[in-house]
Structure formats: structure tokens, C-alpha cells
Amino acid sequence: MADSKPRSGPAVYRIRVRGCLDPQQSGRFEGLSISESPGDGSGPETILVGRLLDQADLAGVLATLFDLRLPVIAVECLADG
């Protein structure tokens, strides 16, 4: 069952997107580790993992992914703080 408690502080997230991130764009995700995966048969995926300061920081990452036209597959909170 998903935790429905809102998060307001720092947390570690894993964000999976469809497609490959251009290495020249990786600077836009400073502080996040970036890796690639062959995906589930629908094409390659990029996985970003790292600590974000708050929901505004997460929203900024998601907006950047949207600007790069990388569809978000999943966002997981791995740990608080």
C-alpha cells in the first residue's frame, strides 16, 4: 500500500523515463546519478536516482524531463531525508 503522507522535506527518489538522456543534458540533473537500462521491451530507459531537497526540487526535475520530451514511467520515493 502506498504511503499517502505528503512529503515536505528532503527525500531520495528514483525516476524512470522512457528514452536516453543526451550526455550534454546531464548537467541539468546535478546531484542525481544517471544510468541507462534496456527497459521492458518498449525501448531503453534512463534512471535518475538521488536526494532532492523538497517537492519543488522534484517538480523542477520533472519539468526538465518534460522539456526534454522524456516520458516519465515512474517516480519512487526510496527514503526520507
C-alpha atoms as a PDB file:
ATOM      1  CA  MET A   1       0.000   0.000   0.000  1.00  0.00           C
ATOM      2  CA  ALA A   2       1.368   3.426  -0.965  1.00  0.00           C
ATOM      3  CA  ASP A   3       2.224   5.947   1.721  1.00  0.00           C
ATOM      4  CA  SER A   4      -0.273   8.809   1.346  1.00  0.00           C
ATOM      5  CA  LYS A   5       1.532  11.110   3.785  1.00  0.00           C
ATOM      6  CA  PRO A   6       2.710  14.296   1.979  1.00  0.00           C
ATOM      7  CA  ARG A   7       6.460  14.823   1.866  1.00  0.00           C
ATOM      8  CA  SER A   8       7.752  18.294   2.610  1.00  0.00           C
ATOM      9  CA  GLY A   9      11.457  17.770   3.257  1.00  0.00           C
ATOM     10  CA  PRO A  10      14.391  16.019   1.658  1.00  0.00           C
ATOM     11  CA  ALA A  11      13.948  12.540   0.218  1.00  0.00           C
ATOM     12  CA  VAL A  12      15.764  10.107  -2.076  1.00  0.00           C
ATOM     13  CA  TYR A  13      13.933   9.446  -5.338  1.00  0.00           C
ATOM     14  CA  ARG A  14      14.256   7.086  -8.290  1.00  0.00           C
ATOM     15  CA  ILE A  15      12.792   8.466 -11.517  1.00  0.00           C
ATOM     16  CA  ARG A  16      12.464   6.247 -14.605  1.00  0.00           C
ATOM     17  CA  VAL A  17      11.898   7.774 -18.034  1.00  0.00           C
ATOM     18  CA  ARG A  18      11.485   6.285 -21.497  1.00  0.00           C
ATOM     19  CA  GLY A  19      14.418   7.069 -23.781  1.00  0.00           C
ATOM     20  CA  CYS A  20      18.035   8.069 -23.379  1.00  0.00           C
ATOM     21  CA  LEU A  21      19.254  11.285 -21.833  1.00  0.00           C
ATOM     22  CA  ASP A  22      21.704  13.190 -24.014  1.00  0.00           C
ATOM     23  CA  PRO A  23      25.015  13.351 -22.073  1.00  0.00           C
ATOM     24  CA  GLN A  24      25.149  17.100 -22.782  1.00  0.00           C
ATOM     25  CA  GLN A  25      21.918  17.485 -20.791  1.00  0.00           C
ATOM     26  CA  SER A  26      23.140  15.590 -17.715  1.00  0.00           C
ATOM     27  CA  GLY A  27      24.334  18.837 -16.098  1.00  0.00           C
ATOM     28  CA  ARG A  28      20.687  19.808 -15.703  1.00  0.00           C
ATOM     29  CA  PHE A  29      20.369  16.973 -13.162  1.00  0.00           C
ATOM     30  CA  GLU A  30      23.326  17.799 -10.937  1.00  0.00           C
ATOM     31  CA  GLY A  31      23.383  15.643  -7.819  1.00  0.00           C
ATOM     32  CA  LEU A  32      21.422  12.777  -9.387  1.00  0.00           C
ATOM     33  CA  SER A  33      23.096   9.601 -10.599  1.00  0.00           C
ATOM     34  CA  ILE A  34      22.085   8.721 -14.147  1.00  0.00           C
ATOM     35  CA  SER A  35      22.106   5.235 -15.652  1.00  0.00           C
ATOM     36  CA  GLU A  36      20.561   3.552 -18.647  1.00  0.00           C
ATOM     37  CA  SER A  37      18.588   0.321 -18.819  1.00  0.00           C
ATOM     38  CA  PRO A  38      17.368  -1.688 -21.822  1.00  0.00           C
ATOM     39  CA  GLY A  39      13.849  -1.297 -20.420  1.00  0.00           C
ATOM     40  CA  ASP A  40      10.998  -3.760 -20.583  1.00  0.00           C
ATOM     41  CA  GLY A  41      10.927  -4.294 -24.340  1.00  0.00           C
ATOM     42  CA  SER A  42       9.438  -0.877 -25.151  1.00  0.00           C
ATOM     43  CA  GLY A  43      12.856   0.660 -25.660  1.00  0.00           C
ATOM     44  CA  PRO A  44      15.656   1.996 -23.489  1.00  0.00           C
ATOM     45  CA  GLU A  45      15.079   3.790 -20.204  1.00  0.00           C
ATOM     46  CA  THR A  46      17.053   6.343 -18.233  1.00  0.00           C
ATOM     47  CA  ILE A  47      17.067   6.057 -14.443  1.00  0.00           C
ATOM     48  CA  LEU A  48      17.844   9.032 -12.220  1.00  0.00           C
ATOM     49  CA  VAL A  49      18.460   8.463  -8.501  1.00  0.00           C
ATOM     50  CA  GLY A  50      19.328  10.944  -5.809  1.00  0.00           C
ATOM     51  CA  ARG A  51      18.350  13.157  -2.917  1.00  0.00           C
ATOM     52  CA  LEU A  52      16.049  16.071  -3.657  1.00  0.00           C
ATOM     53  CA  LEU A  53      15.516  18.842  -1.132  1.00  0.00           C
ATOM     54  CA  ASP A  54      11.730  19.142  -1.360  1.00  0.00           C
ATOM     55  CA  GLN A  55       8.674  18.840  -3.590  1.00  0.00           C
ATOM     56  CA  ALA A  56       9.662  21.988  -5.501  1.00  0.00           C
ATOM     57  CA  ASP A  57      13.010  20.361  -6.351  1.00  0.00           C
ATOM     58  CA  LEU A  58      11.188  17.222  -7.554  1.00  0.00           C
ATOM     59  CA  ALA A  59       8.790  19.333  -9.626  1.00  0.00           C
ATOM     60  CA  GLY A  60      11.782  21.080 -11.216  1.00  0.00           C
ATOM     61  CA  VAL A  61      13.343  17.759 -12.235  1.00  0.00           C
ATOM     62  CA  LEU A  62      10.037  16.548 -13.678  1.00  0.00           C
ATOM     63  CA  ALA A  63       9.567  19.832 -15.586  1.00  0.00           C
ATOM     64  CA  THR A  64      13.060  19.476 -17.065  1.00  0.00           C
ATOM     65  CA  LEU A  65      12.288  15.921 -18.173  1.00  0.00           C
ATOM     66  CA  PHE A  66       9.078  17.218 -19.765  1.00  0.00           C
ATOM     67  CA  ASP A  67      11.044  19.948 -21.578  1.00  0.00           C
ATOM     68  CA  LEU A  68      13.411  17.247 -22.897  1.00  0.00           C
ATOM     69  CA  ARG A  69      10.373  15.222 -24.066  1.00  0.00           C
ATOM     70  CA  LEU A  70      11.324  12.184 -21.988  1.00  0.00           C
ATOM     71  CA  PRO A  71       8.106  10.444 -20.843  1.00  0.00           C
ATOM     72  CA  VAL A  72       8.111   9.654 -17.123  1.00  0.00           C
ATOM     73  CA  ILE A  73       7.453   5.968 -16.394  1.00  0.00           C
ATOM     74  CA  ALA A  74       7.685   6.040 -12.596  1.00  0.00           C
ATOM     75  CA  VAL A  75       8.676   8.201  -9.629  1.00  0.00           C
ATOM     76  CA  GLU A  76       9.513   6.352  -6.416  1.00  0.00           C
ATOM     77  CA  CYS A  77      10.420   7.764  -3.028  1.00  0.00           C
ATOM     78  CA  LEU A  78      13.119   5.426  -1.727  1.00  0.00           C
ATOM     79  CA  ALA A  79      13.824   7.086   1.628  1.00  0.00           C
ATOM     80  CA  ASP A  80      13.029  10.227   3.603  1.00  0.00           C
ATOM     81  CA  GLY A  81      15.838  12.601   4.457  1.00  0.00           C
END
